[in-house]
Amino acid sequence: MYRRDLDIVAVAPDDQVVAYCVLWYDDVTRTGLFDPVAVMPEYQQRGLGRAILVEAMRRAKNMGATLATVSGFEQEQTLCMAQRCPRIVT
């Protein structure tokens, strides 16, 4: 079920949302799903994707997650972003 309090966004100085992640949590399977995850092209390679995923992982872990998956709009970019994040939910 969607929970607005689990949305994570990065906002530029001009108040434009430039990166976001929606965290879905299933307490039965103890799984966090990060979908979608996106960073606007002009803000990529600045650590924003990593930052929002690390925060999502922290929140999922605090809720009891033992597994997390990441999804985005382009599979190749999603995999690349996920591989650069620490494994804090194990």
PDB file of N, CA and C in Angstrom:
ATOM      1  N   MET A   1       0.840  -1.176   0.000  1.00  0.00           N
ATOM      2  CA  MET A   1       0.000   0.000   0.000  1.00  0.00           C
ATOM      3  C   MET A   1       0.893   1.251   0.000  1.00  0.00           C
ATOM      4  N   TYR A   2       0.493   2.222  -0.794  1.00  0.00           N
ATOM      5  CA  TYR A   2       1.264   3.456  -0.900  1.00  0.00           C
ATOM      6  C   TYR A   2       1.214   4.244   0.403  1.00  0.00           C
ATOM      7  N   ARG A   3       2.385   4.736   0.818  1.00  0.00           N
ATOM      8  CA  ARG A   3       2.482   5.603   1.997  1.00  0.00           C
ATOM      9  C   ARG A   3       3.268   6.845   1.609  1.00  0.00           C
ATOM     10  N   ARG A   4       2.603   7.963   1.616  1.00  0.00           N
ATOM     11  CA  ARG A   4       3.236   9.220   1.209  1.00  0.00           C
ATOM     12  C   ARG A   4       4.448   9.558   2.071  1.00  0.00           C
ATOM     13  N   ASP A   5       4.433   9.172   3.329  1.00  0.00           N
ATOM     14  CA  ASP A   5       5.544   9.488   4.225  1.00  0.00           C
ATOM     15  C   ASP A   5       6.828   8.749   3.854  1.00  0.00           C
ATOM     16  N   LEU A   6       6.750   7.805   2.923  1.00  0.00           N
ATOM     17  CA  LEU A   6       7.942   7.090   2.487  1.00  0.00           C
ATOM     18  C   LEU A   6       8.524   7.637   1.183  1.00  0.00           C
ATOM     19  N   ASP A   7       7.928   8.688   0.634  1.00  0.00           N
ATOM     20  CA  ASP A   7       8.491   9.355  -0.552  1.00  0.00           C
ATOM     21  C   ASP A   7       9.761  10.101  -0.147  1.00  0.00           C
ATOM     22  N   ILE A   8      10.776  10.017  -0.972  1.00  0.00           N
ATOM     23  CA  ILE A   8      12.035  10.713  -0.725  1.00  0.00           C
ATOM     24  C   ILE A   8      12.337  11.567  -1.939  1.00  0.00           C
ATOM     25  N   VAL A   9      12.626  12.841  -1.725  1.00  0.00           N
ATOM     26  CA  VAL A   9      12.927  13.740  -2.837  1.00  0.00           C
ATOM     27  C   VAL A   9      14.174  14.562  -2.539  1.00  0.00           C
ATOM     28  N   ALA A  10      14.856  14.937  -3.600  1.00  0.00           N
ATOM     29  CA  ALA A  10      15.949  15.915  -3.522  1.00  0.00           C
ATOM     30  C   ALA A  10      15.461  17.143  -4.282  1.00  0.00           C
ATOM     31  N   VAL A  11      15.613  18.296  -3.652  1.00  0.00           N
ATOM     32  CA  VAL A  11      15.084  19.535  -4.208  1.00  0.00           C
ATOM     33  C   VAL A  11      16.234  20.505  -4.474  1.00  0.00           C
ATOM     34  N   ALA A  12      16.239  21.111  -5.653  1.00  0.00           N
ATOM     35  CA  ALA A  12      17.252  22.102  -6.031  1.00  0.00           C
ATOM     36  C   ALA A  12      16.962  23.429  -5.316  1.00  0.00           C
ATOM     37  N   PRO A  13      17.924  24.325  -5.305  1.00  0.00           N
ATOM     38  CA  PRO A  13      17.711  25.632  -4.665  1.00  0.00           C
ATOM     39  C   PRO A  13      16.495  26.395  -5.195  1.00  0.00           C
ATOM     40  N   ASP A  14      16.089  26.118  -6.432  1.00  0.00           N
ATOM     41  CA  ASP A  14      14.924  26.810  -6.992  1.00  0.00           C
ATOM     42  C   ASP A  14      13.609  26.073  -6.685  1.00  0.00           C
ATOM     43  N   ASP A  15      13.660  25.122  -5.740  1.00  0.00           N
ATOM     44  CA  ASP A  15      12.508  24.330  -5.295  1.00  0.00           C
ATOM     45  C   ASP A  15      12.021  23.305  -6.311  1.00  0.00           C
ATOM     46  N   GLN A  16      12.792  23.027  -7.336  1.00  0.00           N
ATOM     47  CA  GLN A  16      12.442  22.004  -8.326  1.00  0.00           C
ATOM     48  C   GLN A  16      12.873  20.637  -7.795  1.00  0.00           C
ATOM     49  N   VAL A  17      11.989  19.651  -7.875  1.00  0.00           N
ATOM     50  CA  VAL A  17      12.349  18.279  -7.503  1.00  0.00           C
ATOM     51  C   VAL A  17      13.266  17.731  -8.594  1.00  0.00           C
ATOM     52  N   VAL A  18      14.472  17.306  -8.205  1.00  0.00           N
ATOM     53  CA  VAL A  18      15.449  16.845  -9.191  1.00  0.00           C
ATOM     54  C   VAL A  18      15.782  15.362  -9.049  1.00  0.00           C
ATOM     55  N   ALA A  19      15.365  14.765  -7.959  1.00  0.00           N
ATOM     56  CA  ALA A  19      15.560  13.326  -7.756  1.00  0.00           C
ATOM     57  C   ALA A  19      14.479  12.844  -6.801  1.00  0.00           C
ATOM     58  N   TYR A  20      14.053  11.596  -7.020  1.00  0.00           N
ATOM     59  CA  TYR A  20      13.037  11.065  -6.118  1.00  0.00           C
ATOM     60  C   TYR A  20      13.079   9.548  -6.070  1.00  0.00           C
ATOM     61  N   CYS A  21      12.515   9.034  -5.011  1.00  0.00           N
ATOM     62  CA  CYS A  21      12.383   7.599  -4.813  1.00  0.00           C
ATOM     63  C   CYS A  21      11.098   7.369  -4.032  1.00  0.00           C
ATOM     64  N   VAL A  22      10.305   6.425  -4.485  1.00  0.00           N
ATOM     65  CA  VAL A  22       9.129   6.010  -3.730  1.00  0.00           C
ATOM     66  C   VAL A  22       9.465   4.663  -3.098  1.00  0.00           C
ATOM     67  N   LEU A  23       9.363   4.607  -1.789  1.00  0.00           N
ATOM     68  CA  LEU A  23       9.635   3.378  -1.048  1.00  0.00           C
ATOM     69  C   LEU A  23       8.315   2.677  -0.746  1.00  0.00           C
ATOM     70  N   TRP A  24       8.229   1.445  -1.184  1.00  0.00           N
ATOM     71  CA  TRP A  24       7.085   0.584  -0.869  1.00  0.00           C
ATOM     72  C   TRP A  24       7.599  -0.463   0.102  1.00  0.00           C
ATOM     73  N   TYR A  25       6.867  -0.705   1.174  1.00  0.00           N
ATOM     74  CA  TYR A  25       7.318  -1.696   2.155  1.00  0.00           C
ATOM     75  C   TYR A  25       6.243  -2.745   2.387  1.00  0.00           C
ATOM     76  N   ASP A  26       6.646  -4.008   2.338  1.00  0.00           N
ATOM     77  CA  ASP A  26       5.747  -5.136   2.593  1.00  0.00           C
ATOM     78  C   ASP A  26       6.179  -5.774   3.908  1.00  0.00           C
ATOM     79  N   ASP A  27       5.376  -5.598   4.949  1.00  0.00           N
ATOM     80  CA  ASP A  27       5.765  -6.116   6.255  1.00  0.00           C
ATOM     81  C   ASP A  27       5.606  -7.631   6.373  1.00  0.00           C
ATOM     82  N   VAL A  28       4.890  -8.260   5.457  1.00  0.00           N
ATOM     83  CA  VAL A  28       4.763  -9.717   5.474  1.00  0.00           C
ATOM     84  C   VAL A  28       6.055 -10.360   4.975  1.00  0.00           C
ATOM     85  N   THR A  29       6.566  -9.884   3.844  1.00  0.00           N
ATOM     86  CA  THR A  29       7.799 -10.440   3.285  1.00  0.00           C
ATOM     87  C   THR A  29       9.047  -9.704   3.764  1.00  0.00           C
ATOM     88  N   ARG A  30       8.829  -8.601   4.503  1.00  0.00           N
ATOM     89  CA  ARG A  30       9.921  -7.757   5.017  1.00  0.00           C
ATOM     90  C   ARG A  30      10.822  -7.274   3.869  1.00  0.00           C
ATOM     91  N   THR A  31      10.154  -6.813   2.809  1.00  0.00           N
ATOM     92  CA  THR A  31      10.845  -6.372   1.601  1.00  0.00           C
ATOM     93  C   THR A  31      10.565  -4.901   1.325  1.00  0.00           C
ATOM     94  N   GLY A  32      11.613  -4.161   0.988  1.00  0.00           N
ATOM     95  CA  GLY A  32      11.473  -2.792   0.534  1.00  0.00           C
ATOM     96  C   GLY A  32      11.640  -2.757  -0.977  1.00  0.00           C
ATOM     97  N   LEU A  33      10.742  -2.069  -1.647  1.00  0.00           N
ATOM     98  CA  LEU A  33      10.839  -1.879  -3.092  1.00  0.00           C
ATOM     99  C   LEU A  33      10.994  -0.395  -3.342  1.00  0.00           C
ATOM    100  N   PHE A  34      12.038  -0.015  -4.025  1.00  0.00           N
ATOM    101  CA  PHE A  34      12.303   1.382  -4.360  1.00  0.00           C
ATOM    102  C   PHE A  34      11.924   1.571  -5.818  1.00  0.00           C
ATOM    103  N   ASP A  35      10.724   2.100  -6.046  1.00  0.00           N
ATOM    104  CA  ASP A  35      10.203   2.194  -7.405  1.00  0.00           C
ATOM    105  C   ASP A  35       9.139   3.271  -7.495  1.00  0.00           C
ATOM    106  N   PRO A  36       9.306   4.243  -8.340  1.00  0.00           N
ATOM    107  CA  PRO A  36      10.460   4.459  -9.208  1.00  0.00           C
ATOM    108  C   PRO A  36      11.558   5.241  -8.492  1.00  0.00           C
ATOM    109  N   VAL A  37      12.739   5.160  -9.058  1.00  0.00           N
ATOM    110  CA  VAL A  37      13.879   5.961  -8.630  1.00  0.00           C
ATOM    111  C   VAL A  37      14.341   6.729  -9.854  1.00  0.00           C
ATOM    112  N   ALA A  38      14.507   8.025  -9.717  1.00  0.00           N
ATOM    113  CA  ALA A  38      14.919   8.814 -10.878  1.00  0.00           C
ATOM    114  C   ALA A  38      15.695  10.054 -10.444  1.00  0.00           C
ATOM    115  N   VAL A  39      16.633  10.455 -11.300  1.00  0.00           N
ATOM    116  CA  VAL A  39      17.383  11.699 -11.134  1.00  0.00           C
ATOM    117  C   VAL A  39      17.354  12.404 -12.481  1.00  0.00           C
ATOM    118  N   MET A  40      16.975  13.669 -12.477  1.00  0.00           N
ATOM    119  CA  MET A  40      16.954  14.425 -13.735  1.00  0.00           C
ATOM    120  C   MET A  40      18.347  14.419 -14.360  1.00  0.00           C
ATOM    121  N   PRO A  41      18.429  14.272 -15.680  1.00  0.00           N
ATOM    122  CA  PRO A  41      19.731  14.152 -16.352  1.00  0.00           C
ATOM    123  C   PRO A  41      20.742  15.235 -15.971  1.00  0.00           C
ATOM    124  N   GLU A  42      20.306  16.464 -15.868  1.00  0.00           N
ATOM    125  CA  GLU A  42      21.260  17.539 -15.565  1.00  0.00           C
ATOM    126  C   GLU A  42      21.765  17.507 -14.126  1.00  0.00           C
ATOM    127  N   TYR A  43      21.198  16.642 -13.283  1.00  0.00           N
ATOM    128  CA  TYR A  43      21.644  16.512 -11.892  1.00  0.00           C
ATOM    129  C   TYR A  43      22.293  15.159 -11.616  1.00  0.00           C
ATOM    130  N   GLN A  44      22.496  14.366 -12.651  1.00  0.00           N
ATOM    131  CA  GLN A  44      23.128  13.064 -12.464  1.00  0.00           C
ATOM    132  C   GLN A  44      24.623  13.224 -12.226  1.00  0.00           C
ATOM    133  N   GLN A  45      25.231  12.173 -11.689  1.00  0.00           N
ATOM    134  CA  GLN A  45      26.663  12.130 -11.364  1.00  0.00           C
ATOM    135  C   GLN A  45      27.039  13.122 -10.259  1.00  0.00           C
ATOM    136  N   ARG A  46      26.090  13.432  -9.373  1.00  0.00           N
ATOM    137  CA  ARG A  46      26.349  14.330  -8.242  1.00  0.00           C
ATOM    138  C   ARG A  46      26.089  13.647  -6.901  1.00  0.00           C
ATOM    139  N   GLY A  47      25.754  12.364  -6.945  1.00  0.00           N
ATOM    140  CA  GLY A  47      25.512  11.615  -5.717  1.00  0.00           C
ATOM    141  C   GLY A  47      24.078  11.667  -5.208  1.00  0.00           C
ATOM    142  N   LEU A  48      23.177  12.305  -5.965  1.00  0.00           N
ATOM    143  CA  LEU A  48      21.789  12.417  -5.504  1.00  0.00           C
ATOM    144  C   LEU A  48      21.077  11.074  -5.504  1.00  0.00           C
ATOM    145  N   GLY A  49      21.284  10.276  -6.542  1.00  0.00           N
ATOM    146  CA  GLY A  49      20.658   8.955  -6.598  1.00  0.00           C
ATOM    147  C   GLY A  49      21.110   8.091  -5.441  1.00  0.00           C
ATOM    148  N   ARG A  50      22.388   8.094  -5.193  1.00  0.00           N
ATOM    149  CA  ARG A  50      22.935   7.327  -4.060  1.00  0.00           C
ATOM    150  C   ARG A  50      22.346   7.828  -2.749  1.00  0.00           C
ATOM    151  N   ALA A  51      22.278   9.131  -2.582  1.00  0.00           N
ATOM    152  CA  ALA A  51      21.765   9.701  -1.330  1.00  0.00           C
ATOM    153  C   ALA A  51      20.314   9.298  -1.067  1.00  0.00           C
ATOM    154  N   ILE A  52      19.469   9.371  -2.087  1.00  0.00           N
ATOM    155  CA  ILE A  52      18.071   9.025  -1.843  1.00  0.00           C
ATOM    156  C   ILE A  52      17.902   7.516  -1.644  1.00  0.00           C
ATOM    157  N   LEU A  53      18.723   6.703  -2.319  1.00  0.00           N
ATOM    158  CA  LEU A  53      18.640   5.257  -2.102  1.00  0.00           C
ATOM    159  C   LEU A  53      19.160   4.865  -0.723  1.00  0.00           C
ATOM    160  N   VAL A  54      20.216   5.492  -0.266  1.00  0.00           N
ATOM    161  CA  VAL A  54      20.736   5.204   1.075  1.00  0.00           C
ATOM    162  C   VAL A  54      19.685   5.567   2.128  1.00  0.00           C
ATOM    163  N   GLU A  55      19.014   6.701   1.952  1.00  0.00           N
ATOM    164  CA  GLU A  55      17.959   7.088   2.884  1.00  0.00           C
ATOM    165  C   GLU A  55      16.792   6.104   2.813  1.00  0.00           C
ATOM    166  N   ALA A  56      16.435   5.664   1.627  1.00  0.00           N
ATOM    167  CA  ALA A  56      15.360   4.682   1.485  1.00  0.00           C
ATOM    168  C   ALA A  56      15.746   3.373   2.169  1.00  0.00           C
ATOM    169  N   MET A  57      16.993   2.945   2.002  1.00  0.00           N
ATOM    170  CA  MET A  57      17.459   1.718   2.658  1.00  0.00           C
ATOM    171  C   MET A  57      17.446   1.861   4.169  1.00  0.00           C
ATOM    172  N   ARG A  58      17.827   3.019   4.668  1.00  0.00           N
ATOM    173  CA  ARG A  58      17.814   3.266   6.112  1.00  0.00           C
ATOM    174  C   ARG A  58      16.388   3.140   6.648  1.00  0.00           C
ATOM    175  N   ARG A  59      15.443   3.766   5.948  1.00  0.00           N
ATOM    176  CA  ARG A  59      14.049   3.709   6.383  1.00  0.00           C
ATOM    177  C   ARG A  59      13.508   2.281   6.333  1.00  0.00           C
ATOM    178  N   ALA A  60      13.816   1.573   5.244  1.00  0.00           N
ATOM    179  CA  ALA A  60      13.345   0.194   5.108  1.00  0.00           C
ATOM    180  C   ALA A  60      13.928  -0.690   6.218  1.00  0.00           C
ATOM    181  N   LYS A  61      15.201  -0.524   6.479  1.00  0.00           N
ATOM    182  CA  LYS A  61      15.848  -1.309   7.535  1.00  0.00           C
ATOM    183  C   LYS A  61      15.208  -1.017   8.880  1.00  0.00           C
ATOM    184  N   ASN A  62      14.914   0.248   9.156  1.00  0.00           N
ATOM    185  CA  ASN A  62      14.275   0.612  10.427  1.00  0.00           C
ATOM    186  C   ASN A  62      12.875   0.022  10.566  1.00  0.00           C
ATOM    187  N   MET A  63      12.224  -0.266   9.435  1.00  0.00           N
ATOM    188  CA  MET A  63      10.898  -0.879   9.479  1.00  0.00           C
ATOM    189  C   MET A  63      10.987  -2.403   9.567  1.00  0.00           C
ATOM    190  N   GLY A  64      12.203  -2.956   9.438  1.00  0.00           N
ATOM    191  CA  GLY A  64      12.384  -4.399   9.560  1.00  0.00           C
ATOM    192  C   GLY A  64      12.725  -5.120   8.278  1.00  0.00           C
ATOM    193  N   ALA A  65      13.022  -4.394   7.212  1.00  0.00           N
ATOM    194  CA  ALA A  65      13.325  -5.036   5.924  1.00  0.00           C
ATOM    195  C   ALA A  65      14.585  -5.889   6.008  1.00  0.00           C
ATOM    196  N   THR A  66      14.530  -7.018   5.333  1.00  0.00           N
ATOM    197  CA  THR A  66      15.699  -7.883   5.191  1.00  0.00           C
ATOM    198  C   THR A  66      16.114  -8.015   3.730  1.00  0.00           C
ATOM    199  N   LEU A  67      15.287  -7.460   2.829  1.00  0.00           N
ATOM    200  CA  LEU A  67      15.562  -7.509   1.398  1.00  0.00           C
ATOM    201  C   LEU A  67      15.077  -6.210   0.770  1.00  0.00           C
ATOM    202  N   ALA A  68      15.808  -5.731  -0.217  1.00  0.00           N
ATOM    203  CA  ALA A  68      15.400  -4.519  -0.932  1.00  0.00           C
ATOM    204  C   ALA A  68      15.662  -4.702  -2.418  1.00  0.00           C
ATOM    205  N   THR A  69      14.758  -4.152  -3.225  1.00  0.00           N
ATOM    206  CA  THR A  69      14.939  -4.159  -4.671  1.00  0.00           C
ATOM    207  C   THR A  69      14.758  -2.746  -5.198  1.00  0.00           C
ATOM    208  N   VAL A  70      15.425  -2.464  -6.316  1.00  0.00           N
ATOM    209  CA  VAL A  70      15.402  -1.139  -6.917  1.00  0.00           C
ATOM    210  C   VAL A  70      14.858  -1.244  -8.326  1.00  0.00           C
ATOM    211  N   SER A  71      14.013  -0.285  -8.695  1.00  0.00           N
ATOM    212  CA  SER A  71      13.477  -0.236 -10.047  1.00  0.00           C
ATOM    213  C   SER A  71      13.461   1.210 -10.507  1.00  0.00           C
ATOM    214  N   GLY A  72      13.589   1.398 -11.798  1.00  0.00           N
ATOM    215  CA  GLY A  72      13.564   2.740 -12.359  1.00  0.00           C
ATOM    216  C   GLY A  72      13.007   2.693 -13.762  1.00  0.00           C
ATOM    217  N   PHE A  73      13.267   3.744 -14.509  1.00  0.00           N
ATOM    218  CA  PHE A  73      12.715   3.825 -15.847  1.00  0.00           C
ATOM    219  C   PHE A  73      13.591   3.148 -16.885  1.00  0.00           C
ATOM    220  N   GLU A  74      14.896   3.141 -16.677  1.00  0.00           N
ATOM    221  CA  GLU A  74      15.806   2.493 -17.613  1.00  0.00           C
ATOM    222  C   GLU A  74      16.619   1.459 -16.845  1.00  0.00           C
ATOM    223  N   GLN A  75      16.456   0.190 -17.161  1.00  0.00           N
ATOM    224  CA  GLN A  75      17.054  -0.890 -16.393  1.00  0.00           C
ATOM    225  C   GLN A  75      18.565  -0.742 -16.257  1.00  0.00           C
ATOM    226  N   GLU A  76      19.249  -0.364 -17.323  1.00  0.00           N
ATOM    227  CA  GLU A  76      20.705  -0.234 -17.269  1.00  0.00           C
ATOM    228  C   GLU A  76      21.127   0.814 -16.243  1.00  0.00           C
ATOM    229  N   GLN A  77      20.467   1.965 -16.215  1.00  0.00           N
ATOM    230  CA  GLN A  77      20.803   3.008 -15.256  1.00  0.00           C
ATOM    231  C   GLN A  77      20.423   2.596 -13.839  1.00  0.00           C
ATOM    232  N   THR A  78      19.299   1.905 -13.682  1.00  0.00           N
ATOM    233  CA  THR A  78      18.880   1.451 -12.363  1.00  0.00           C
ATOM    234  C   THR A  78      19.911   0.501 -11.780  1.00  0.00           C
ATOM    235  N   LEU A  79      20.377  -0.462 -12.562  1.00  0.00           N
ATOM    236  CA  LEU A  79      21.369  -1.415 -12.098  1.00  0.00           C
ATOM    237  C   LEU A  79      22.654  -0.703 -11.713  1.00  0.00           C
ATOM    238  N   CYS A  80      23.097   0.229 -12.522  1.00  0.00           N
ATOM    239  CA  CYS A  80      24.319   0.973 -12.250  1.00  0.00           C
ATOM    240  C   CYS A  80      24.192   1.738 -10.937  1.00  0.00           C
ATOM    241  N   MET A  81      23.062   2.411 -10.717  1.00  0.00           N
ATOM    242  CA  MET A  81      22.854   3.182  -9.499  1.00  0.00           C
ATOM    243  C   MET A  81      22.816   2.260  -8.286  1.00  0.00           C
ATOM    244  N   ALA A  82      22.125   1.143  -8.398  1.00  0.00           N
ATOM    245  CA  ALA A  82      21.996   0.213  -7.280  1.00  0.00           C
ATOM    246  C   ALA A  82      23.342  -0.399  -6.900  1.00  0.00           C
ATOM    247  N   GLN A  83      24.199  -0.654  -7.867  1.00  0.00           N
ATOM    248  CA  GLN A  83      25.493  -1.260  -7.596  1.00  0.00           C
ATOM    249  C   GLN A  83      26.418  -0.317  -6.843  1.00  0.00           C
ATOM    250  N   ARG A  84      26.204   0.990  -6.937  1.00  0.00           N
ATOM    251  CA  ARG A  84      27.069   1.952  -6.263  1.00  0.00           C
ATOM    252  C   ARG A  84      26.642   2.213  -4.821  1.00  0.00           C
ATOM    253  N   CYS A  85      25.504   1.686  -4.397  1.00  0.00           N
ATOM    254  CA  CYS A  85      25.007   1.927  -3.049  1.00  0.00           C
ATOM    255  C   CYS A  85      25.513   0.861  -2.094  1.00  0.00           C
ATOM    256  N   PRO A  86      25.726   1.247  -0.850  1.00  0.00           N
ATOM    257  CA  PRO A  86      26.177   0.273   0.142  1.00  0.00           C
ATOM    258  C   PRO A  86      25.070  -0.736   0.449  1.00  0.00           C
ATOM    259  N   ARG A  87      25.456  -1.875   0.893  1.00  0.00           N
ATOM    260  CA  ARG A  87      24.483  -2.924   1.249  1.00  0.00           C
ATOM    261  C   ARG A  87      24.192  -2.812   2.741  1.00  0.00           C
ATOM    262  N   ILE A  88      23.288  -1.914   3.086  1.00  0.00           N
ATOM    263  CA  ILE A  88      22.997  -1.721   4.504  1.00  0.00           C
ATOM    264  C   ILE A  88      21.778  -2.511   4.947  1.00  0.00           C
ATOM    265  N   VAL A  89      21.022  -3.061   4.018  1.00  0.00           N
ATOM    266  CA  VAL A  89      19.889  -3.916   4.361  1.00  0.00           C
ATOM    267  C   VAL A  89      20.283  -5.329   3.963  1.00  0.00           C
ATOM    268  N   THR A  90      20.589  -6.160   4.946  1.00  0.00           N
ATOM    269  CA  THR A  90      21.007  -7.541   4.663  1.00  0.00           C
ATOM    270  C   THR A  90      20.200  -8.532   5.460  1.00  0.00           C
TER     271      THR A  90
END
